[in-house]
Amino acid sequence: MKVYTTLSLLSALLISSAANVTPVHASADMIAKVIKSAAGAPKDILCRKGNIFTQTFSLRSFNGELCNKNKGFAAITLKLCAGVADFDGSQCDQKARAMLKGQSPAAVLSDPAVAAQVPAELKAKANS
């Protein structure tokens, strides 16, 4: 009985904390985890909505913050995820489009300096 009470209190604490959560910012470790898991994932998994509570990570994780990282990451994400599942209109989609300021992902990625910002795993995924 004591275990259930402790679990109930812990659950209540987590739920109340979740209600007051500020946006989560992606750390370098989190970004590396997403990119590593993305390498072999199908696009519907790669582009799905992330959920920190269920440890579901994707390019859209962390309120779309990865899509706001740099022009290269924004462009490759749009190239990979546009039209996939519920990506269009997501926070990631909106942030990536704002980052590109109306340019097409292909045009942005044609700039070698921008293309250098894209992790190799995602370049390979986009070209497969």
Protein backbone atom coordinates (compact mmCIF):
# COMPACT_ATOMS: atom_id res chain seq x y z
CA MET A 1 0.00 0.00 0.00
CA LYS A 2 2.84 2.39 0.81
CA VAL A 3 4.36 1.86 -2.66
CA TYR A 4 1.09 2.87 -4.37
CA THR A 5 0.85 6.01 -2.23
CA THR A 6 4.41 6.97 -3.13
CA LEU A 7 3.72 6.32 -6.82
CA SER A 8 0.53 8.36 -6.63
CA LEU A 9 2.36 11.27 -5.05
CA LEU A 10 5.13 11.04 -7.62
CA SER A 11 2.58 10.94 -10.45
CA ALA A 12 0.75 13.95 -9.04
CA LEU A 13 4.05 15.84 -8.77
CA LEU A 14 5.00 15.01 -12.35
CA ILE A 15 1.59 16.00 -13.68
CA SER A 16 1.57 19.29 -11.79
CA SER A 17 5.12 19.98 -12.92
CA ALA A 18 4.18 19.21 -16.53
CA ALA A 19 1.41 21.78 -16.37
CA ASN A 20 3.97 24.45 -15.49
CA VAL A 21 6.69 23.41 -17.90
CA THR A 22 8.48 26.03 -19.91
CA PRO A 23 9.54 25.08 -23.45
CA VAL A 24 12.25 22.43 -23.53
CA HIS A 25 15.40 23.46 -25.35
CA ALA A 26 17.34 20.81 -27.17
CA SER A 27 20.78 20.09 -25.77
CA ALA A 28 23.63 18.77 -27.91
CA ASP A 29 23.09 15.29 -26.41
CA MET A 30 19.40 15.35 -27.29
CA ILE A 31 20.14 16.47 -30.83
CA ALA A 32 22.74 13.72 -31.24
CA LYS A 33 20.23 11.13 -29.97
CA VAL A 34 17.59 12.27 -32.46
CA ILE A 35 20.00 12.29 -35.40
CA LYS A 36 21.46 8.90 -34.52
CA SER A 37 18.02 7.32 -34.26
CA ALA A 38 16.91 9.07 -37.46
CA ALA A 39 19.53 7.48 -39.68
CA GLY A 40 17.67 4.23 -40.21
CA ALA A 41 14.11 5.32 -39.45
CA PRO A 42 11.37 5.53 -42.06
CA LYS A 43 10.09 9.05 -42.72
CA ASP A 44 6.84 8.55 -40.78
CA ILE A 45 8.93 7.83 -37.67
CA LEU A 46 11.56 10.46 -38.44
CA CYS A 47 8.92 13.19 -38.89
CA ARG A 48 6.42 12.22 -36.18
CA LYS A 49 5.51 14.45 -33.29
CA GLY A 50 7.93 14.05 -30.40
CA ASN A 51 6.89 13.52 -26.79
CA ILE A 52 9.43 13.94 -24.01
CA PHE A 53 7.23 12.10 -21.49
CA THR A 54 7.13 8.92 -23.60
CA GLN A 55 10.71 9.47 -24.81
CA THR A 56 9.51 9.69 -28.41
CA PHE A 57 12.14 11.68 -30.28
CA SER A 58 12.08 12.90 -33.87
CA LEU A 59 13.14 15.89 -35.90
CA ARG A 60 10.05 17.63 -34.49
CA SER A 61 10.99 17.09 -30.84
CA PHE A 62 11.41 19.91 -28.33
CA ASN A 63 8.61 22.09 -29.73
CA GLY A 64 10.27 22.16 -33.13
CA GLU A 65 13.48 23.70 -31.81
CA LEU A 66 15.68 21.51 -34.00
CA CYS A 67 14.00 23.03 -37.08
CA ASN A 68 15.12 26.43 -35.84
CA LYS A 69 18.75 25.36 -35.33
CA ASN A 70 20.19 26.66 -38.61
CA LYS A 71 19.26 27.01 -42.29
CA GLY A 72 20.78 23.66 -43.22
CA PHE A 73 18.87 21.73 -40.58
CA ALA A 74 15.66 23.60 -41.45
CA ALA A 75 16.05 22.85 -45.15
CA ILE A 76 16.84 19.15 -44.73
CA THR A 77 13.93 18.73 -42.34
CA LEU A 78 11.52 20.30 -44.83
CA LYS A 79 12.99 18.18 -47.63
CA LEU A 80 12.53 15.00 -45.60
CA CYS A 81 9.24 15.71 -43.83
CA ALA A 82 7.03 17.97 -45.98
CA GLY A 83 3.82 16.07 -46.70
CA VAL A 84 4.62 13.25 -44.26
CA ALA A 85 1.92 12.41 -41.71
CA ASP A 86 0.94 15.51 -39.72
CA PHE A 87 4.21 17.40 -40.24
CA ASP A 88 2.74 20.21 -42.35
CA GLY A 89 1.67 23.06 -40.09
CA SER A 90 3.59 21.70 -37.08
CA GLN A 91 5.82 23.96 -34.98
CA CYS A 92 8.83 22.45 -36.69
CA ASP A 93 7.38 23.14 -40.14
CA GLN A 94 6.56 26.73 -39.19
CA LYS A 95 9.99 27.39 -37.65
CA ALA A 96 11.84 25.83 -40.58
CA ARG A 97 9.85 27.86 -43.13
CA ALA A 98 10.50 31.04 -41.15
CA MET A 99 14.21 30.20 -41.10
CA LEU A 100 14.25 29.76 -44.91
CA LYS A 101 12.27 32.99 -45.56
CA GLY A 102 10.47 31.66 -48.62
CA GLN A 103 13.42 29.88 -50.21
CA SER A 104 12.99 26.28 -51.31
CA PRO A 105 14.88 23.62 -49.34
CA ALA A 106 16.73 22.58 -52.52
CA ALA A 107 17.90 26.15 -53.18
CA VAL A 108 19.11 26.55 -49.61
CA LEU A 109 20.92 23.21 -49.64
CA SER A 110 22.69 24.10 -52.91
CA ASP A 111 24.84 26.55 -50.92
CA PRO A 112 27.92 24.56 -49.78
CA ALA A 113 28.23 26.55 -46.55
CA VAL A 114 24.62 25.74 -45.62
CA ALA A 115 24.92 22.11 -46.74
CA ALA A 116 27.90 21.78 -44.38
CA GLN A 117 25.53 22.45 -41.45
CA VAL A 118 23.55 19.28 -42.20
CA PRO A 119 24.52 16.11 -40.31
CA ALA A 120 25.81 13.40 -42.65
CA GLU A 121 23.15 10.94 -41.45
CA LEU A 122 20.37 13.26 -42.61
CA LYS A 123 22.04 14.00 -45.94
CA ALA A 124 22.24 10.26 -46.61
CA LYS A 125 18.59 9.84 -45.62
CA ALA A 126 17.50 12.65 -47.97
CA ASN A 127 19.46 11.15 -50.86
CA SER A 128 18.16 7.60 -50.40
